[in-house]
Amino acid sequence: TIHEMAAGAAKMGMQYLALTEHAPEMPGTCGLFYFQNLRVIPREMH
């Protein structure tokens, strides 16, 4: 999950983490609305 990835990066000493999901043409990934709604997610975690 997002929180699990943030916690994992923090354990590795990262100060910044970019989550870059595969765009819609990759089989099995999320759709357009996912990328249009990313503004709702907090930008500080762990």
All heavy atoms as atom14 arrays in JSON, in Angstrom:
{
  "sequence": "TIHEMAAGAAKMGMQYLALTEHAPEMPGTCGLFYFQNLRVIPREMH",
  "atom14_mask": [
    [1, 1, 1, 1, 1, 1, 1, 0, 0, 0, 0, 0, 0, 0],
    [1, 1, 1, 1, 1, 1, 1, 1, 0, 0, 0, 0, 0, 0],
    [1, 1, 1, 1, 1, 1, 1, 1, 1, 1, 0, 0, 0, 0],
    [1, 1, 1, 1, 1, 1, 1, 1, 1, 0, 0, 0, 0, 0],
    [1, 1, 1, 1, 1, 1, 1, 1, 0, 0, 0, 0, 0, 0],
    [1, 1, 1, 1, 1, 0, 0, 0, 0, 0, 0, 0, 0, 0],
    [1, 1, 1, 1, 1, 0, 0, 0, 0, 0, 0, 0, 0, 0],
    [1, 1, 1, 1, 0, 0, 0, 0, 0, 0, 0, 0, 0, 0],
    [1, 1, 1, 1, 1, 0, 0, 0, 0, 0, 0, 0, 0, 0],
    [1, 1, 1, 1, 1, 0, 0, 0, 0, 0, 0, 0, 0, 0],
    [1, 1, 1, 1, 1, 1, 1, 1, 1, 0, 0, 0, 0, 0],
    [1, 1, 1, 1, 1, 1, 1, 1, 0, 0, 0, 0, 0, 0],
    [1, 1, 1, 1, 0, 0, 0, 0, 0, 0, 0, 0, 0, 0],
    [1, 1, 1, 1, 1, 1, 1, 1, 0, 0, 0, 0, 0, 0],
    [1, 1, 1, 1, 1, 1, 1, 1, 1, 0, 0, 0, 0, 0],
    [1, 1, 1, 1, 1, 1, 1, 1, 1, 1, 1, 1, 0, 0],
    [1, 1, 1, 1, 1, 1, 1, 1, 0, 0, 0, 0, 0, 0],
    [1, 1, 1, 1, 1, 0, 0, 0, 0, 0, 0, 0, 0, 0],
    [1, 1, 1, 1, 1, 1, 1, 1, 0, 0, 0, 0, 0, 0],
    [1, 1, 1, 1, 1, 1, 1, 0, 0, 0, 0, 0, 0, 0],
    [1, 1, 1, 1, 1, 1, 1, 1, 1, 0, 0, 0, 0, 0],
    [1, 1, 1, 1, 1, 1, 1, 1, 1, 1, 0, 0, 0, 0],
    [1, 1, 1, 1, 1, 0, 0, 0, 0, 0, 0, 0, 0, 0],
    [1, 1, 1, 1, 1, 1, 1, 0, 0, 0, 0, 0, 0, 0],
    [1, 1, 1, 1, 1, 1, 1, 1, 1, 0, 0, 0, 0, 0],
    [1, 1, 1, 1, 1, 1, 1, 1, 0, 0, 0, 0, 0, 0],
    [1, 1, 1, 1, 1, 1, 1, 0, 0, 0, 0, 0, 0, 0],
    [1, 1, 1, 1, 0, 0, 0, 0, 0, 0, 0, 0, 0, 0],
    [1, 1, 1, 1, 1, 1, 1, 0, 0, 0, 0, 0, 0, 0],
    [1, 1, 1, 1, 1, 1, 0, 0, 0, 0, 0, 0, 0, 0],
    [1, 1, 1, 1, 0, 0, 0, 0, 0, 0, 0, 0, 0, 0],
    [1, 1, 1, 1, 1, 1, 1, 1, 0, 0, 0, 0, 0, 0],
    [1, 1, 1, 1, 1, 1, 1, 1, 1, 1, 1, 0, 0, 0],
    [1, 1, 1, 1, 1, 1, 1, 1, 1, 1, 1, 1, 0, 0],
    [1, 1, 1, 1, 1, 1, 1, 1, 1, 1, 1, 0, 0, 0],
    [1, 1, 1, 1, 1, 1, 1, 1, 1, 0, 0, 0, 0, 0],
    [1, 1, 1, 1, 1, 1, 1, 1, 0, 0, 0, 0, 0, 0],
    [1, 1, 1, 1, 1, 1, 1, 1, 0, 0, 0, 0, 0, 0],
    [1, 1, 1, 1, 1, 1, 1, 1, 1, 1, 1, 0, 0, 0],
    [1, 1, 1, 1, 1, 1, 1, 0, 0, 0, 0, 0, 0, 0],
    [1, 1, 1, 1, 1, 1, 1, 1, 0, 0, 0, 0, 0, 0],
    [1, 1, 1, 1, 1, 1, 1, 0, 0, 0, 0, 0, 0, 0],
    [1, 1, 1, 1, 1, 1, 1, 1, 1, 1, 1, 0, 0, 0],
    [1, 1, 1, 1, 1, 1, 1, 1, 1, 0, 0, 0, 0, 0],
    [1, 1, 1, 1, 1, 1, 1, 1, 0, 0, 0, 0, 0, 0],
    [1, 1, 1, 1, 1, 1, 1, 1, 1, 1, 0, 0, 0, 0]
  ],
  "atom14_positions": [
    [[0.82, -1.2, 0.0], [0.0, 0.0, 0.0], [0.87, 1.26, 0.0], [2.1, 1.19, 0.16], [-0.89, 0.03, 1.24], [-0.04, 0.17, 2.4], [-1.73, -1.23, 1.36], [0.0, 0.0, 0.0], [0.0, 0.0, 0.0], [0.0, 0.0, 0.0], [0.0, 0.0, 0.0], [0.0, 0.0, 0.0], [0.0, 0.0, 0.0], [0.0, 0.0, 0.0]],
    [[0.21, 2.41, -0.13], [0.92, 3.69, -0.08], [1.66, 3.84, 1.25], [2.85, 4.18, 1.29], [-0.06, 4.85, -0.29], [-0.58, 4.85, -1.73], [0.6, 6.19, 0.03], [-1.7, 5.83, -2.0], [0.0, 0.0, 0.0], [0.0, 0.0, 0.0], [0.0, 0.0, 0.0], [0.0, 0.0, 0.0], [0.0, 0.0, 0.0], [0.0, 0.0, 0.0]],
    [[0.97, 3.58, 2.37], [1.6, 3.73, 3.67], [2.74, 2.73, 3.87], [3.77, 3.07, 4.45], [0.56, 3.58, 4.79], [-0.18, 4.86, 5.09], [0.38, 5.89, 5.8], [-1.42, 5.27, 4.73], [-0.48, 6.88, 5.9], [-1.6, 6.53, 5.26], [0.0, 0.0, 0.0], [0.0, 0.0, 0.0], [0.0, 0.0, 0.0], [0.0, 0.0, 0.0]],
    [[2.56, 1.52, 3.38], [3.64, 0.53, 3.5], [4.87, 0.94, 2.7], [6.01, 0.78, 3.17], [3.14, -0.84, 3.03], [2.15, -1.48, 4.01], [1.42, -2.68, 3.42], [1.43, -2.85, 2.18], [0.82, -3.44, 4.21], [0.0, 0.0, 0.0], [0.0, 0.0, 0.0], [0.0, 0.0, 0.0], [0.0, 0.0, 0.0], [0.0, 0.0, 0.0]],
    [[4.66, 1.49, 1.52], [5.79, 1.95, 0.71], [6.5, 3.12, 1.37], [7.74, 3.2, 1.39], [5.31, 2.33, -0.69], [4.82, 1.16, -1.51], [6.1, -0.08, -1.87], [7.07, 0.81, -3.09], [0.0, 0.0, 0.0], [0.0, 0.0, 0.0], [0.0, 0.0, 0.0], [0.0, 0.0, 0.0], [0.0, 0.0, 0.0], [0.0, 0.0, 0.0]],
    [[5.72, 4.05, 1.92], [6.32, 5.2, 2.61], [7.14, 4.74, 3.81], [8.27, 5.22, 4.03], [5.24, 6.18, 3.03], [0.0, 0.0, 0.0], [0.0, 0.0, 0.0], [0.0, 0.0, 0.0], [0.0, 0.0, 0.0], [0.0, 0.0, 0.0], [0.0, 0.0, 0.0], [0.0, 0.0, 0.0], [0.0, 0.0, 0.0], [0.0, 0.0, 0.0]],
    [[6.59, 3.82, 4.59], [7.3, 3.32, 5.76], [8.58, 2.59, 5.35], [9.63, 2.72, 5.99], [6.4, 2.4, 6.57], [0.0, 0.0, 0.0], [0.0, 0.0, 0.0], [0.0, 0.0, 0.0], [0.0, 0.0, 0.0], [0.0, 0.0, 0.0], [0.0, 0.0, 0.0], [0.0, 0.0, 0.0], [0.0, 0.0, 0.0], [0.0, 0.0, 0.0]],
    [[8.5, 1.82, 4.27], [9.68, 1.11, 3.78], [10.77, 2.06, 3.33], [11.96, 1.85, 3.62], [0.0, 0.0, 0.0], [0.0, 0.0, 0.0], [0.0, 0.0, 0.0], [0.0, 0.0, 0.0], [0.0, 0.0, 0.0], [0.0, 0.0, 0.0], [0.0, 0.0, 0.0], [0.0, 0.0, 0.0], [0.0, 0.0, 0.0], [0.0, 0.0, 0.0]],
    [[10.39, 3.12, 2.62], [11.37, 4.1, 2.16], [12.0, 4.84, 3.34], [13.2, 5.13, 3.34], [10.71, 5.09, 1.2], [0.0, 0.0, 0.0], [0.0, 0.0, 0.0], [0.0, 0.0, 0.0], [0.0, 0.0, 0.0], [0.0, 0.0, 0.0], [0.0, 0.0, 0.0], [0.0, 0.0, 0.0], [0.0, 0.0, 0.0], [0.0, 0.0, 0.0]],
    [[11.18, 5.14, 4.34], [11.71, 5.82, 5.54], [12.75, 4.95, 6.23], [13.79, 5.45, 6.69], [10.57, 6.16, 6.49], [0.0, 0.0, 0.0], [0.0, 0.0, 0.0], [0.0, 0.0, 0.0], [0.0, 0.0, 0.0], [0.0, 0.0, 0.0], [0.0, 0.0, 0.0], [0.0, 0.0, 0.0], [0.0, 0.0, 0.0], [0.0, 0.0, 0.0]],
    [[12.51, 3.65, 6.3], [13.47, 2.73, 6.93], [14.8, 2.72, 6.17], [15.86, 2.47, 6.75], [12.9, 1.32, 6.99], [11.8, 1.15, 8.02], [11.26, -0.28, 8.01], [10.12, -0.45, 9.0], [9.55, -1.82, 8.95], [0.0, 0.0, 0.0], [0.0, 0.0, 0.0], [0.0, 0.0, 0.0], [0.0, 0.0, 0.0], [0.0, 0.0, 0.0]],
    [[14.74, 2.98, 4.87], [15.95, 3.01, 4.04], [16.66, 4.36, 4.09], [17.65, 4.57, 3.4], [15.6, 2.67, 2.59], [15.26, 1.22, 2.37], [16.73, 0.17, 2.51], [16.01, -1.42, 2.06], [0.0, 0.0, 0.0], [0.0, 0.0, 0.0], [0.0, 0.0, 0.0], [0.0, 0.0, 0.0], [0.0, 0.0, 0.0], [0.0, 0.0, 0.0]],
    [[16.1, 5.29, 4.87], [16.74, 6.59, 5.01], [16.34, 7.62, 3.98], [16.97, 8.68, 3.87], [0.0, 0.0, 0.0], [0.0, 0.0, 0.0], [0.0, 0.0, 0.0], [0.0, 0.0, 0.0], [0.0, 0.0, 0.0], [0.0, 0.0, 0.0], [0.0, 0.0, 0.0], [0.0, 0.0, 0.0], [0.0, 0.0, 0.0], [0.0, 0.0, 0.0]],
    [[15.28, 7.32, 3.23], [14.83, 8.3, 2.24], [14.15, 9.48, 2.92], [13.52, 9.34, 3.96], [13.84, 7.65, 1.26], [14.41, 6.58, 0.36], [15.69, 7.14, -0.77], [17.15, 6.45, 0.03], [0.0, 0.0, 0.0], [0.0, 0.0, 0.0], [0.0, 0.0, 0.0], [0.0, 0.0, 0.0], [0.0, 0.0, 0.0], [0.0, 0.0, 0.0]],
    [[14.26, 10.64, 2.29], [13.53, 11.82, 2.72], [12.38, 12.13, 1.76], [11.45, 12.85, 2.13], [14.47, 13.02, 2.78], [15.6, 12.86, 3.8], [16.58, 14.01, 3.77], [16.22, 15.14, 3.41], [17.81, 13.75, 4.14], [0.0, 0.0, 0.0], [0.0, 0.0, 0.0], [0.0, 0.0, 0.0], [0.0, 0.0, 0.0], [0.0, 0.0, 0.0]],
    [[12.45, 11.56, 0.55], [11.43, 11.79, -0.48], [11.17, 10.47, -1.2], [12.09, 9.7, -1.48], [11.9, 12.83, -1.5], [12.23, 14.17, -0.88], [13.5, 14.42, -0.38], [11.27, 15.17, -0.79], [13.82, 15.63, 0.21], [11.57, 16.39, -0.21], [12.85, 16.62, 0.28], [13.15, 17.82, 0.87], [0.0, 0.0, 0.0], [0.0, 0.0, 0.0]],
    [[9.89, 10.23, -1.51], [9.5, 9.04, -2.26], [8.46, 9.41, -3.29], [7.44, 10.03, -2.95], [8.93, 7.96, -1.33], [8.32, 6.73, -2.03], [9.4, 5.94, -2.77], [7.58, 5.85, -1.02], [0.0, 0.0, 0.0], [0.0, 0.0, 0.0], [0.0, 0.0, 0.0], [0.0, 0.0, 0.0], [0.0, 0.0, 0.0], [0.0, 0.0, 0.0]],
    [[8.7, 9.03, -4.54], [7.72, 9.23, -5.6], [7.04, 7.9, -5.9], [7.71, 6.9, -6.17], [8.4, 9.76, -6.86], [0.0, 0.0, 0.0], [0.0, 0.0, 0.0], [0.0, 0.0, 0.0], [0.0, 0.0, 0.0], [0.0, 0.0, 0.0], [0.0, 0.0, 0.0], [0.0, 0.0, 0.0], [0.0, 0.0, 0.0], [0.0, 0.0, 0.0]],
    [[5.72, 7.9, -5.85], [4.93, 6.73, -6.24], [4.39, 6.99, -7.64], [3.61, 7.92, -7.85], [3.82, 6.46, -5.23], [4.33, 6.02, -3.85], [3.18, 5.85, -2.88], [5.16, 4.74, -3.95], [0.0, 0.0, 0.0], [0.0, 0.0, 0.0], [0.0, 0.0, 0.0], [0.0, 0.0, 0.0], [0.0, 0.0, 0.0], [0.0, 0.0, 0.0]],
    [[4.84, 6.18, -8.57], [4.58, 6.41, -10.0], [3.89, 5.17, -10.57], [4.54, 4.3, -11.16], [5.91, 6.67, -10.73], [6.84, 5.62, -10.38], [6.51, 8.0, -10.31], [0.0, 0.0, 0.0], [0.0, 0.0, 0.0], [0.0, 0.0, 0.0], [0.0, 0.0, 0.0], [0.0, 0.0, 0.0], [0.0, 0.0, 0.0], [0.0, 0.0, 0.0]],
    [[2.59, 5.11, -10.39], [1.86, 3.92, -10.84], [1.9, 3.8, -12.36], [1.96, 4.8, -13.09], [0.4, 3.98, -10.37], [0.2, 4.25, -8.9], [0.85, 3.25, -7.94], [1.37, 2.21, -8.4], [0.81, 3.51, -6.73], [0.0, 0.0, 0.0], [0.0, 0.0, 0.0], [0.0, 0.0, 0.0], [0.0, 0.0, 0.0], [0.0, 0.0, 0.0]],
    [[1.83, 2.55, -12.82], [1.77, 2.33, -14.27], [0.51, 2.99, -14.83], [-0.58, 2.86, -14.28], [1.75, 0.84, -14.57], [3.08, 0.18, -14.38], [4.14, 0.4, -15.22], [3.52, -0.69, -13.44], [5.19, -0.31, -14.81], [4.83, -0.97, -13.73], [0.0, 0.0, 0.0], [0.0, 0.0, 0.0], [0.0, 0.0, 0.0], [0.0, 0.0, 0.0]],
    [[0.68, 3.69, -15.93], [-0.44, 4.36, -16.59], [-1.37, 3.34, -17.26], [-1.04, 2.15, -17.36], [0.09, 5.38, -17.59], [0.0, 0.0, 0.0], [0.0, 0.0, 0.0], [0.0, 0.0, 0.0], [0.0, 0.0, 0.0], [0.0, 0.0, 0.0], [0.0, 0.0, 0.0], [0.0, 0.0, 0.0], [0.0, 0.0, 0.0], [0.0, 0.0, 0.0]],
    [[-2.55, 3.77, -17.71], [-3.65, 2.84, -18.01], [-3.41, 1.76, -19.05], [-4.1, 0.74, -19.02], [-4.78, 3.78, -18.45], [-4.53, 5.03, -17.68], [-3.03, 5.17, -17.69], [0.0, 0.0, 0.0], [0.0, 0.0, 0.0], [0.0, 0.0, 0.0], [0.0, 0.0, 0.0], [0.0, 0.0, 0.0], [0.0, 0.0, 0.0], [0.0, 0.0, 0.0]],
    [[-2.47, 1.94, -19.99], [-2.31, 0.91, -21.01], [-1.54, -0.31, -20.53], [-1.51, -1.35, -21.23], [-1.63, 1.5, -22.26], [-2.51, 2.45, -23.06], [-3.77, 1.78, -23.6], [-3.7, 0.62, -24.04], [-4.83, 2.42, -23.57], [0.0, 0.0, 0.0], [0.0, 0.0, 0.0], [0.0, 0.0, 0.0], [0.0, 0.0, 0.0], [0.0, 0.0, 0.0]],
    [[-0.91, -0.23, -19.37], [-0.25, -1.42, -18.81], [-1.32, -2.38, -18.3], [-2.19, -1.97, -17.51], [0.69, -1.03, -17.68], [1.38, -2.21, -17.01], [2.48, -3.13, -18.1], [3.87, -1.98, -18.2], [0.0, 0.0, 0.0], [0.0, 0.0, 0.0], [0.0, 0.0, 0.0], [0.0, 0.0, 0.0], [0.0, 0.0, 0.0], [0.0, 0.0, 0.0]],
    [[-1.32, -3.63, -18.73], [-2.35, -4.58, -18.26], [-2.41, -4.67, -16.74], [-1.4, -4.79, -16.07], [-1.89, -5.91, -18.88], [-1.12, -5.51, -20.1], [-0.42, -4.24, -19.72], [0.0, 0.0, 0.0], [0.0, 0.0, 0.0], [0.0, 0.0, 0.0], [0.0, 0.0, 0.0], [0.0, 0.0, 0.0], [0.0, 0.0, 0.0], [0.0, 0.0, 0.0]],
    [[-3.64, -4.55, -16.21], [-3.87, -4.76, -14.79], [-3.74, -3.54, -13.91], [-4.02, -3.6, -12.71], [0.0, 0.0, 0.0], [0.0, 0.0, 0.0], [0.0, 0.0, 0.0], [0.0, 0.0, 0.0], [0.0, 0.0, 0.0], [0.0, 0.0, 0.0], [0.0, 0.0, 0.0], [0.0, 0.0, 0.0], [0.0, 0.0, 0.0], [0.0, 0.0, 0.0]],
    [[-3.34, -2.4, -14.45], [-3.11, -1.23, -13.61], [-4.4, -0.42, -13.42], [-5.49, -0.83, -13.83], [-1.99, -0.35, -14.2], [-1.57, 0.61, -13.22], [-2.44, 0.36, -15.46], [0.0, 0.0, 0.0], [0.0, 0.0, 0.0], [0.0, 0.0, 0.0], [0.0, 0.0, 0.0], [0.0, 0.0, 0.0], [0.0, 0.0, 0.0], [0.0, 0.0, 0.0]],
    [[-4.26, 0.73, -12.79], [-5.41, 1.59, -12.49], [-5.79, 2.45, -13.7], [-5.04, 2.55, -14.68], [-5.09, 2.48, -11.29], [-3.45, 3.22, -11.34], [0.0, 0.0, 0.0], [0.0, 0.0, 0.0], [0.0, 0.0, 0.0], [0.0, 0.0, 0.0], [0.0, 0.0, 0.0], [0.0, 0.0, 0.0], [0.0, 0.0, 0.0], [0.0, 0.0, 0.0]],
    [[-6.95, 3.08, -13.61], [-7.47, 3.86, -14.73], [-7.24, 5.36, -14.59], [-6.61, 5.83, -13.64], [0.0, 0.0, 0.0], [0.0, 0.0, 0.0], [0.0, 0.0, 0.0], [0.0, 0.0, 0.0], [0.0, 0.0, 0.0], [0.0, 0.0, 0.0], [0.0, 0.0, 0.0], [0.0, 0.0, 0.0], [0.0, 0.0, 0.0], [0.0, 0.0, 0.0]],
    [[-7.77, 6.09, -15.52], [-7.58, 7.53, -15.6], [-7.98, 8.24, -14.32], [-7.25, 9.13, -13.84], [-8.39, 8.09, -16.78], [-8.43, 9.61, -16.94], [-7.04, 10.17, -17.22], [-9.41, 10.0, -18.05], [0.0, 0.0, 0.0], [0.0, 0.0, 0.0], [0.0, 0.0, 0.0], [0.0, 0.0, 0.0], [0.0, 0.0, 0.0], [0.0, 0.0, 0.0]],
    [[-9.11, 7.88, -13.73], [-9.6, 8.6, -12.55], [-8.63, 8.52, -11.37], [-8.55, 9.43, -10.55], [-10.97, 8.07, -12.12], [-12.09, 8.42, -13.07], [-13.37, 7.89, -12.87], [-11.88, 9.26, -14.15], [-14.41, 8.22, -13.74], [-12.91, 9.58, -15.02], [-14.17, 9.05, -14.81], [0.0, 0.0, 0.0], [0.0, 0.0, 0.0], [0.0, 0.0, 0.0]],
    [[-7.88, 7.42, -11.28], [-6.88, 7.3, -10.21], [-5.91, 8.47, -10.27], [-5.61, 9.1, -9.25], [-6.13, 5.97, -10.34], [-5.12, 5.74, -9.23], [-5.47, 5.03, -8.09], [-3.82, 6.23, -9.33], [-4.55, 4.82, -7.07], [-2.91, 6.02, -8.32], [-3.27, 5.32, -7.19], [-2.36, 5.13, -6.19], [0.0, 0.0, 0.0], [0.0, 0.0, 0.0]],
    [[-5.41, 8.76, -11.45], [-4.41, 9.82, -11.61], [-5.02, 11.21, -11.48], [-4.33, 12.16, -11.09], [-3.69, 9.65, -12.95], [-2.97, 8.34, -13.06], [-3.56, 7.26, -13.72], [-1.73, 8.17, -12.48], [-2.9, 6.05, -13.81], [-1.06, 6.95, -12.56], [-1.65, 5.89, -13.23], [0.0, 0.0, 0.0], [0.0, 0.0, 0.0], [0.0, 0.0, 0.0]],
    [[-6.29, 11.32, -11.77], [-6.95, 12.63, -11.66], [-7.32, 12.98, -10.22], [-7.66, 14.12, -9.94], [-8.19, 12.64, -12.55], [-7.87, 12.6, -14.04], [-9.1, 12.6, -14.91], [-10.19, 12.19, -14.49], [-8.96, 13.06, -16.14], [0.0, 0.0, 0.0], [0.0, 0.0, 0.0], [0.0, 0.0, 0.0], [0.0, 0.0, 0.0], [0.0, 0.0, 0.0]],
    [[-7.24, 12.01, -9.31], [-7.67, 12.23, -7.93], [-6.5, 12.21, -6.94], [-6.73, 12.24, -5.72], [-8.7, 11.17, -7.54], [-9.53, 11.57, -6.33], [-9.94, 12.73, -6.2], [-9.78, 10.63, -5.43], [0.0, 0.0, 0.0], [0.0, 0.0, 0.0], [0.0, 0.0, 0.0], [0.0, 0.0, 0.0], [0.0, 0.0, 0.0], [0.0, 0.0, 0.0]],
    [[-5.27, 12.2, -7.41], [-4.11, 12.08, -6.52], [-3.95, 13.27, -5.57], [-3.27, 13.16, -4.55], [-2.83, 11.89, -7.35], [-2.69, 10.53, -8.02], [-1.53, 10.55, -9.02], [-2.49, 9.43, -7.0], [0.0, 0.0, 0.0], [0.0, 0.0, 0.0], [0.0, 0.0, 0.0], [0.0, 0.0, 0.0], [0.0, 0.0, 0.0], [0.0, 0.0, 0.0]],
    [[-4.59, 14.37, -5.88], [-4.48, 15.56, -5.02], [-5.01, 15.32, -3.61], [-4.67, 16.05, -2.68], [-5.23, 16.73, -5.66], [-6.74, 16.52, -5.72], [-7.47, 17.59, -6.49], [-8.92, 17.38, -6.49], [-9.54, 16.54, -7.31], [-8.85, 15.82, -8.18], [-10.85, 16.4, -7.26], [0.0, 0.0, 0.0], [0.0, 0.0, 0.0], [0.0, 0.0, 0.0]],
    [[-5.86, 14.29, -3.43], [-6.47, 14.08, -2.11], [-5.52, 13.39, -1.12], [-5.8, 13.34, 0.07], [-7.77, 13.25, -2.22], [-8.73, 13.88, -3.21], [-7.48, 11.79, -2.6], [0.0, 0.0, 0.0], [0.0, 0.0, 0.0], [0.0, 0.0, 0.0], [0.0, 0.0, 0.0], [0.0, 0.0, 0.0], [0.0, 0.0, 0.0], [0.0, 0.0, 0.0]],
    [[-4.4, 12.87, -1.59], [-3.52, 12.08, -0.72], [-2.54, 13.0, 0.0], [-1.93, 13.88, -0.62], [-2.73, 11.03, -1.54], [-3.68, 10.2, -2.41], [-1.94, 10.13, -0.6], [-2.97, 9.23, -3.32], [0.0, 0.0, 0.0], [0.0, 0.0, 0.0], [0.0, 0.0, 0.0], [0.0, 0.0, 0.0], [0.0, 0.0, 0.0], [0.0, 0.0, 0.0]],
    [[-2.34, 12.84, 1.3], [-1.37, 13.66, 2.04], [0.04, 13.53, 1.45], [0.44, 12.45, 1.0], [-1.41, 13.09, 3.46], [-2.74, 12.41, 3.56], [-3.04, 11.89, 2.19], [0.0, 0.0, 0.0], [0.0, 0.0, 0.0], [0.0, 0.0, 0.0], [0.0, 0.0, 0.0], [0.0, 0.0, 0.0], [0.0, 0.0, 0.0], [0.0, 0.0, 0.0]],
    [[0.76, 14.62, 1.46], [2.12, 14.64, 0.92], [3.19, 14.42, 1.98], [4.38, 14.46, 1.66], [2.37, 15.96, 0.19], [2.18, 15.94, -1.34], [0.94, 15.28, -1.82], [0.83, 15.31, -3.28], [-0.19, 14.85, -3.97], [-1.22, 14.3, -3.34], [-0.2, 14.89, -5.29], [0.0, 0.0, 0.0], [0.0, 0.0, 0.0], [0.0, 0.0, 0.0]],
    [[2.8, 14.17, 3.2], [3.75, 13.82, 4.27], [3.28, 12.52, 4.9], [2.15, 12.42, 5.38], [3.82, 14.91, 5.34], [4.34, 16.26, 4.84], [5.85, 16.29, 4.68], [6.53, 15.4, 5.24], [6.35, 17.19, 3.99], [0.0, 0.0, 0.0], [0.0, 0.0, 0.0], [0.0, 0.0, 0.0], [0.0, 0.0, 0.0], [0.0, 0.0, 0.0]],
    [[4.14, 11.51, 4.92], [3.83, 10.22, 5.53], [5.1, 9.62, 6.13], [6.15, 9.63, 5.49], [3.28, 9.23, 4.5], [1.92, 9.56, 3.94], [1.34, 8.21, 2.85], [-0.15, 8.98, 2.19], [0.0, 0.0, 0.0], [0.0, 0.0, 0.0], [0.0, 0.0, 0.0], [0.0, 0.0, 0.0], [0.0, 0.0, 0.0], [0.0, 0.0, 0.0]],
    [[4.99, 9.13, 7.34], [6.1, 8.42, 7.98], [7.39, 9.25, 7.97], [8.49, 8.7, 7.83], [6.32, 7.06, 7.32], [5.12, 6.17, 7.42], [4.87, 5.38, 8.53], [4.09, 5.96, 6.56], [3.73, 4.72, 8.33], [3.24, 5.05, 7.15], [0.0, 0.0, 0.0], [0.0, 0.0, 0.0], [0.0, 0.0, 0.0], [0.0, 0.0, 0.0]]
  ]
}
